[in-house]
Amino acid sequence: MAKWATTPRPSETIDAAASRPRASQTSSVEIALATYNSETYLAELLNSLFAQTSQQFMLIVSDDGSSDSTLDILHSFGRREPGRIRVLPPTVRRLGPIGNFSRLLDHASADYLLLCDHDDVWLPNKLALSIERMVALEAVHPEHTSLLVHTDLVVVGPKLEVLSTSCFRYSNVDPRRSDLTSLLTANIATGCASLINRALYQRARPIPPQAMMHDHWLALVAAALGAISFIDQPTILYRQHGSNLIGVEKKGGPLIRRVARTLFGDEQRRMMIRYSRQAAALLRRCGGEMSADARRRTETLANLWTLSRWRRLVLLRQSGLRLQGFVRNVALLIVVFRGRRTESDEP
């Protein structure tokens, strides 16, 4: 596993000597696992959790109505690890991935919470490394600040064959663009590689229906009210397979086709409408606690479709809202200029 380790850049290192660690031996840790028909890879994941160098955690599971052997596998591990797995009561109806993770946030009570997907494999030091960074981050921020720590990921295939030793290089995304303005239109904190503190999950729950995804919502709340820290080291094997709900998109591909799809396809328009709705939800949840500048930038996106076309372009430029990549930003300008005033009201 050491071949995937990288040295954190100086800008990402928190001065431990200047910090005042708050966590103690009694600090509690929970891992939140959402499952649905997860039998194929679940045992492999659970084995990696119970092989962590730090074993001070409770696993909380919310199953979204699996019809396979998912629950049998969970109960089997529960007998092997007595008192360490808590499976929530069955749901009355299907919640979907966002609702399932929102339910887990509702049942969380620990000082620290790690999010977990059913089909990945954790590297042995994932929990310890994430907690160490969170403790250092808490030490340089006021108490009860909403904080999020996330790491890089090794991208692997169905049989754990390595596709890339860095998810961010693989998808050509800059993980250090974690300011609120950047996050309003692009998430960089993958849920299964994230650790959040109690202040964040208490502020972020319940996840609103306008959220693009649970991890994007958590990153937005952290950026709006607190801070995000990135560990430039992979701590998880991020499996890509045919059943992935949301995978990672590889950079590259035929240039003309990518440009045409991005500039003239309908996907960019739909995404911008959803980003706008998510921004409005963020204002409703956190607007009163955001800085004036953060609130202004968020309001620009939330109200974008109520303005005239030229006014949209002016405010977009003033706000600094950008996507990652030149082609995507050209597409953004086209979408914003061509979109109808009532776009945000579409279903």
Protein backbone atom coordinates (compact mmCIF):
# COMPACT_ATOMS: atom_id res chain seq x y z
CA MET A 1 0.00 0.00 0.00
CA ALA A 2 2.95 2.33 0.57
CA LYS A 3 3.41 2.89 -3.15
CA TRP A 4 0.30 5.10 -3.09
CA ALA A 5 1.56 7.34 -0.33
CA THR A 6 2.54 10.90 -1.22
CA THR A 7 4.11 13.64 0.84
CA PRO A 8 1.68 16.41 1.81
CA ARG A 9 2.60 19.79 0.34
CA PRO A 10 3.75 22.45 2.79
CA SER A 11 0.60 24.52 2.22
CA GLU A 12 -1.51 21.62 3.45
CA THR A 13 0.44 20.98 6.63
CA ILE A 14 -0.98 22.36 9.86
CA ASP A 15 1.62 23.44 12.42
CA ALA A 16 1.11 20.90 15.20
CA ALA A 17 3.36 22.84 17.56
CA ALA A 18 1.12 25.89 17.27
CA SER A 19 -2.08 23.93 17.64
CA ARG A 20 -3.93 22.96 20.77
CA PRO A 21 -5.46 19.51 20.16
CA ARG A 22 -8.94 19.18 21.61
CA ALA A 23 -9.57 15.50 20.95
CA SER A 24 -8.92 13.11 23.79
CA GLN A 25 -8.88 9.39 24.23
CA THR A 26 -12.61 9.62 24.92
CA SER A 27 -13.44 11.30 21.59
CA SER A 28 -15.99 9.17 19.78
CA VAL A 29 -15.92 8.13 16.13
CA GLU A 30 -18.69 6.74 13.96
CA ILE A 31 -18.59 5.42 10.41
CA ALA A 32 -21.81 5.99 8.45
CA LEU A 33 -22.45 3.27 5.85
CA ALA A 34 -25.35 3.47 3.38
CA THR A 35 -26.25 0.16 1.72
CA TYR A 36 -28.62 -1.02 -0.98
CA ASN A 37 -28.24 -4.45 -2.64
CA SER A 38 -24.58 -4.33 -1.66
CA GLU A 39 -23.75 -8.04 -1.40
CA THR A 40 -21.12 -8.09 -4.17
CA TYR A 41 -18.49 -5.93 -2.47
CA LEU A 42 -19.75 -5.45 1.08
CA ALA A 43 -17.66 -8.11 2.83
CA GLU A 44 -14.49 -6.72 1.25
CA LEU A 45 -15.34 -3.25 2.55
CA LEU A 46 -16.16 -4.48 6.06
CA ASN A 47 -12.92 -6.45 6.25
CA SER A 48 -11.02 -3.25 5.42
CA LEU A 49 -12.87 -1.31 8.13
CA PHE A 50 -12.03 -3.85 10.80
CA ALA A 51 -8.41 -3.88 9.63
CA GLN A 52 -7.90 -0.17 10.34
CA THR A 53 -4.89 0.74 12.45
CA SER A 54 -7.32 2.59 14.71
CA GLN A 55 -10.26 0.48 15.86
CA GLN A 56 -11.99 3.06 18.06
CA PHE A 57 -15.19 3.43 16.06
CA MET A 58 -18.82 2.36 15.84
CA LEU A 59 -20.27 1.42 12.45
CA ILE A 60 -23.79 2.73 11.79
CA VAL A 61 -25.62 1.24 8.80
CA SER A 62 -28.75 2.41 7.02
CA ASP A 63 -30.05 -0.12 4.50
CA ASP A 64 -32.44 1.21 1.86
CA GLY A 65 -34.53 -1.93 1.38
CA SER A 66 -32.03 -4.43 -0.02
CA SER A 67 -33.47 -7.57 -1.59
CA ASP A 68 -30.19 -9.50 -1.69
CA SER A 69 -27.99 -10.86 1.12
CA THR A 70 -26.76 -7.45 2.32
CA LEU A 71 -28.39 -7.73 5.76
CA ASP A 72 -27.17 -11.31 6.19
CA ILE A 73 -23.60 -10.15 5.58
CA LEU A 74 -24.01 -7.30 8.07
CA HIS A 75 -25.42 -9.61 10.75
CA SER A 76 -22.58 -12.07 10.14
CA PHE A 77 -19.99 -9.35 10.75
CA GLY A 78 -22.03 -8.18 13.73
CA ARG A 79 -21.56 -11.58 15.35
CA ARG A 80 -17.85 -11.41 14.57
CA GLU A 81 -17.53 -7.86 15.95
CA PRO A 82 -20.09 -7.77 18.79
CA GLY A 83 -21.28 -4.33 19.84
CA ARG A 84 -19.55 -2.53 16.99
CA ILE A 85 -22.20 -2.51 14.24
CA ARG A 86 -25.57 -0.80 14.60
CA VAL A 87 -28.03 -1.44 11.78
CA LEU A 88 -30.88 1.07 11.80
CA PRO A 89 -34.48 -0.21 11.61
CA PRO A 90 -35.80 -0.86 8.07
CA THR A 91 -37.06 2.13 6.12
CA VAL A 92 -40.76 2.38 5.31
CA ARG A 93 -39.98 3.39 1.74
CA ARG A 94 -36.97 3.78 -0.52
CA LEU A 95 -35.00 6.89 0.38
CA GLY A 96 -32.44 6.98 -2.40
CA PRO A 97 -28.75 7.73 -1.75
CA ILE A 98 -29.19 11.31 -0.52
CA GLY A 99 -32.07 10.39 1.78
CA ASN A 100 -30.21 7.35 3.07
CA PHE A 101 -27.16 9.40 4.04
CA SER A 102 -29.40 12.11 5.50
CA ARG A 103 -30.93 9.42 7.72
CA LEU A 104 -27.46 8.42 8.87
CA LEU A 105 -26.69 12.05 9.78
CA ASP A 106 -29.92 12.14 11.80
CA HIS A 107 -28.74 9.13 13.84
CA ALA A 108 -25.13 10.26 14.28
CA SER A 109 -23.99 11.30 17.75
CA ALA A 110 -20.19 10.97 17.77
CA ASP A 111 -17.56 13.69 17.85
CA TYR A 112 -16.40 12.64 14.39
CA LEU A 113 -18.20 10.98 11.50
CA LEU A 114 -16.69 9.27 8.45
CA LEU A 115 -18.86 8.59 5.40
CA CYS A 116 -18.64 5.18 3.79
CA ASP A 117 -19.74 3.64 0.47
CA HIS A 118 -20.46 -0.07 0.27
CA ASP A 119 -18.19 -0.92 -2.67
CA ASP A 120 -14.83 0.60 -1.73
CA VAL A 121 -11.82 -0.65 0.23
CA TRP A 122 -10.24 1.47 2.93
CA LEU A 123 -6.46 1.56 3.24
CA PRO A 124 -5.31 0.69 6.79
CA ASN A 125 -4.44 4.23 7.93
CA LYS A 126 -7.52 6.02 6.55
CA LEU A 127 -9.27 6.57 9.85
CA ALA A 128 -6.16 7.47 11.85
CA LEU A 129 -4.82 9.86 9.22
CA SER A 130 -8.16 11.65 8.85
CA ILE A 131 -8.67 12.00 12.61
CA GLU A 132 -5.14 13.33 13.05
CA ARG A 133 -5.79 16.07 10.49
CA MET A 134 -9.19 16.91 11.97
CA VAL A 135 -7.72 17.31 15.47
CA ALA A 136 -5.09 19.69 14.10
CA LEU A 137 -7.74 21.59 12.15
CA GLU A 138 -9.98 21.96 15.19
CA ALA A 139 -7.05 23.31 17.17
CA VAL A 140 -6.69 26.36 14.90
CA HIS A 141 -10.40 27.17 14.66
CA PRO A 142 -12.92 28.32 17.27
CA GLU A 143 -14.82 25.61 19.07
CA HIS A 144 -17.99 24.37 17.33
CA THR A 145 -16.69 25.37 13.88
CA SER A 146 -18.04 23.20 11.04
CA LEU A 147 -15.05 21.31 9.62
CA LEU A 148 -14.46 18.77 6.86
CA VAL A 149 -11.33 16.77 6.05
CA HIS A 150 -10.98 14.80 2.82
CA THR A 151 -8.26 12.81 1.08
CA ASP A 152 -7.23 11.67 -2.36
CA LEU A 153 -8.39 8.28 -3.66
CA VAL A 154 -6.86 5.45 -5.70
CA VAL A 155 -9.17 4.79 -8.66
CA VAL A 156 -9.57 1.05 -9.24
CA GLY A 157 -11.64 -1.28 -11.40
CA PRO A 158 -14.10 -3.99 -10.29
CA LYS A 159 -11.28 -6.36 -9.29
CA LEU A 160 -9.23 -3.60 -7.64
CA GLU A 161 -6.96 -3.17 -10.64
CA VAL A 162 -5.39 0.28 -10.35
CA LEU A 163 -6.59 2.79 -12.94
CA SER A 164 -4.94 5.80 -11.32
CA THR A 165 -3.12 6.46 -8.07
CA SER A 166 -4.85 9.84 -7.81
CA CYS A 167 -8.54 10.46 -8.36
CA PHE A 168 -7.95 14.18 -8.78
CA ARG A 169 -5.30 13.75 -11.46
CA TYR A 170 -7.49 11.12 -13.13
CA SER A 171 -10.42 13.52 -13.39
CA ASN A 172 -8.33 16.69 -13.83
CA VAL A 173 -9.84 18.39 -10.78
CA ASP A 174 -7.97 20.65 -8.36
CA PRO A 175 -8.81 19.55 -4.79
CA ARG A 176 -7.49 22.80 -3.34
CA ARG A 177 -10.29 24.83 -4.88
CA SER A 178 -12.34 24.46 -1.72
CA ASP A 179 -13.55 28.03 -1.30
CA LEU A 180 -17.31 28.56 -1.35
CA THR A 181 -17.31 30.29 -4.74
CA SER A 182 -15.65 27.28 -6.40
CA LEU A 183 -17.81 24.76 -4.55
CA LEU A 184 -21.07 26.40 -5.59
CA THR A 185 -20.63 24.89 -9.06
CA ALA A 186 -18.33 21.90 -8.46
CA ASN A 187 -17.76 19.49 -5.58
CA ILE A 188 -14.23 18.39 -4.74
CA ALA A 189 -14.83 16.46 -1.49
CA THR A 190 -15.79 12.87 -2.28
CA GLY A 191 -18.05 11.53 0.46
CA CYS A 192 -16.30 8.20 0.99
CA ALA A 193 -12.99 10.05 1.48
CA SER A 194 -14.42 12.57 3.95
CA LEU A 195 -14.45 13.04 7.72
CA ILE A 196 -16.73 15.63 9.32
CA ASN A 197 -17.07 16.87 12.87
CA ARG A 198 -20.21 17.05 14.98
CA ALA A 199 -20.63 20.79 14.40
CA LEU A 200 -20.87 20.19 10.65
CA TYR A 201 -23.26 17.27 10.57
CA GLN A 202 -25.56 18.92 13.10
CA ARG A 203 -25.67 22.06 10.95
CA ALA A 204 -26.05 20.19 7.65
CA ARG A 205 -28.90 17.85 8.61
CA PRO A 206 -31.39 17.19 7.25
CA ILE A 207 -30.00 17.26 3.72
CA PRO A 208 -32.48 19.27 1.59
CA PRO A 209 -34.03 17.79 -1.57
CA GLN A 210 -32.31 20.49 -3.63
CA ALA A 211 -28.84 19.10 -2.77
CA MET A 212 -26.91 17.76 -5.76
CA MET A 213 -25.52 14.98 -3.57
CA HIS A 214 -24.93 14.46 0.14
CA ASP A 215 -21.18 15.08 -0.06
CA HIS A 216 -21.59 18.25 -2.11
CA TRP A 217 -24.02 19.61 0.46
CA LEU A 218 -21.66 18.86 3.36
CA ALA A 219 -18.78 20.56 1.54
CA LEU A 220 -20.91 23.65 0.88
CA VAL A 221 -21.96 23.99 4.52
CA ALA A 222 -18.35 23.52 5.65
CA ALA A 223 -17.11 26.16 3.20
CA ALA A 224 -19.91 28.56 4.13
CA LEU A 225 -19.54 28.29 7.90
CA GLY A 226 -16.16 26.71 8.62
CA ALA A 227 -13.22 25.19 6.79
CA ILE A 228 -12.13 22.30 4.56
CA SER A 229 -8.72 20.61 4.67
CA PHE A 230 -7.33 18.29 2.00
CA ILE A 231 -4.84 15.48 2.66
CA ASP A 232 -2.74 14.93 -0.46
CA GLN A 233 -2.57 11.19 0.08
CA PRO A 234 -4.96 8.42 -1.02
CA THR A 235 -6.62 6.52 1.80
CA ILE A 236 -9.16 4.48 -0.12
CA LEU A 237 -9.50 2.24 -3.17
CA TYR A 238 -12.35 3.93 -5.06
CA ARG A 239 -13.98 1.20 -7.08
CA GLN A 240 -15.45 1.94 -10.52
CA HIS A 241 -17.91 -0.60 -11.88
CA GLY A 242 -21.11 -0.94 -13.86
CA SER A 243 -23.39 -0.52 -10.85
CA ASN A 244 -21.80 2.69 -9.57
CA LEU A 245 -24.41 5.32 -8.83
CA ILE A 246 -21.86 8.08 -9.29
CA GLY A 247 -18.41 7.26 -10.57
CA VAL A 248 -15.46 9.41 -11.47
CA GLU A 249 -15.18 10.80 -14.98
CA LYS A 250 -11.83 10.40 -16.65
CA LYS A 251 -10.29 13.44 -18.26
CA GLY A 252 -9.55 13.37 -21.95
CA GLY A 253 -11.45 11.71 -24.78
CA PRO A 254 -11.97 13.01 -28.33
CA LEU A 255 -11.67 16.79 -28.03
CA ILE A 256 -14.26 17.75 -30.64
CA ARG A 257 -16.87 15.44 -29.16
CA ARG A 258 -16.25 16.70 -25.62
CA VAL A 259 -16.39 20.34 -26.69
CA ALA A 260 -19.59 19.83 -28.67
CA ARG A 261 -21.28 17.94 -25.85
CA THR A 262 -20.30 20.53 -23.27
CA LEU A 263 -21.06 23.63 -25.33
CA PHE A 264 -24.23 22.57 -27.07
CA GLY A 265 -25.63 19.70 -25.05
CA ASP A 266 -28.50 20.11 -22.62
CA GLU A 267 -26.60 18.68 -19.64
CA GLN A 268 -24.83 21.93 -18.75
CA ARG A 269 -28.11 23.85 -18.68
CA ARG A 270 -29.76 21.30 -16.38
CA MET A 271 -26.73 21.27 -14.09
CA MET A 272 -26.73 25.06 -13.74
CA ILE A 273 -30.41 25.03 -12.83
CA ARG A 274 -29.72 22.46 -10.12
CA TYR A 275 -26.70 24.42 -8.83
CA SER A 276 -28.95 27.48 -8.60
CA ARG A 277 -31.55 25.60 -6.56
CA GLN A 278 -28.88 24.17 -4.28
CA ALA A 279 -27.48 27.67 -3.70
CA ALA A 280 -30.94 28.88 -2.71
CA ALA A 281 -31.22 25.99 -0.23
CA LEU A 282 -27.82 26.91 1.22
CA LEU A 283 -28.98 30.49 1.75
CA ARG A 284 -32.09 29.30 3.55
CA ARG A 285 -30.01 27.07 5.81
CA CYS A 286 -26.89 29.16 6.44
CA GLY A 287 -27.44 32.64 4.98
CA GLY A 288 -27.76 34.35 8.34
CA GLU A 289 -24.36 33.04 9.48
CA MET A 290 -22.41 33.57 6.24
CA SER A 291 -20.07 36.48 5.63
CA ALA A 292 -21.47 39.31 3.53
CA ASP A 293 -19.22 38.39 0.60
CA ALA A 294 -20.12 34.68 0.72
CA ARG A 295 -23.80 35.51 0.93
CA ARG A 296 -23.56 37.88 -2.04
CA ARG A 297 -21.85 35.28 -4.23
CA THR A 298 -24.37 32.61 -3.24
CA GLU A 299 -27.28 34.96 -3.92
CA THR A 300 -25.88 35.65 -7.39
CA LEU A 301 -26.17 31.98 -8.33
CA ALA A 302 -29.47 31.45 -6.52
CA ASN A 303 -31.14 34.40 -8.30
CA LEU A 304 -29.35 34.07 -11.64
CA TRP A 305 -32.39 33.04 -13.66
CA THR A 306 -34.52 35.96 -12.46
CA LEU A 307 -32.23 38.51 -14.12
CA SER A 308 -31.87 39.77 -17.66
CA ARG A 309 -29.27 38.03 -19.81
CA TRP A 310 -26.74 40.86 -19.76
CA ARG A 311 -27.20 41.41 -16.04
CA ARG A 312 -26.47 37.71 -15.47
CA LEU A 313 -23.16 37.96 -17.32
CA VAL A 314 -22.14 41.08 -15.40
CA LEU A 315 -22.93 39.54 -12.01
CA LEU A 316 -21.32 36.24 -12.97
CA ARG A 317 -18.08 38.04 -13.73
CA GLN A 318 -18.24 40.13 -10.57
CA SER A 319 -19.00 37.15 -8.34
CA GLY A 320 -16.08 35.06 -9.56
CA LEU A 321 -18.27 31.98 -10.14
CA ARG A 322 -16.34 29.56 -12.33
CA LEU A 323 -16.28 25.92 -13.39
CA GLN A 324 -13.13 23.82 -13.59
CA GLY A 325 -11.81 23.81 -17.16
CA PHE A 326 -11.82 26.29 -20.07
CA VAL A 327 -14.45 24.48 -22.13
CA ARG A 328 -16.81 24.21 -19.15
CA ASN A 329 -16.48 27.93 -18.48
CA VAL A 330 -17.28 28.81 -22.10
CA ALA A 331 -20.31 26.54 -21.80
CA LEU A 332 -21.28 28.30 -18.58
CA LEU A 333 -21.33 31.68 -20.31
CA ILE A 334 -23.41 30.29 -23.18
CA VAL A 335 -25.91 28.64 -20.85
CA VAL A 336 -26.25 31.71 -18.64
CA PHE A 337 -26.76 34.00 -21.64
CA ARG A 338 -29.19 31.78 -23.53
CA GLY A 339 -31.26 30.54 -20.59
CA ARG A 340 -34.79 31.83 -20.10
CA ARG A 341 -35.67 33.88 -17.03
CA THR A 342 -37.95 31.13 -15.75
CA GLU A 343 -35.37 28.32 -16.06
CA SER A 344 -35.12 27.81 -12.29
CA ASP A 345 -38.81 26.99 -12.10
CA GLU A 346 -38.55 24.01 -14.42
CA PRO A 347 -39.14 20.57 -12.89
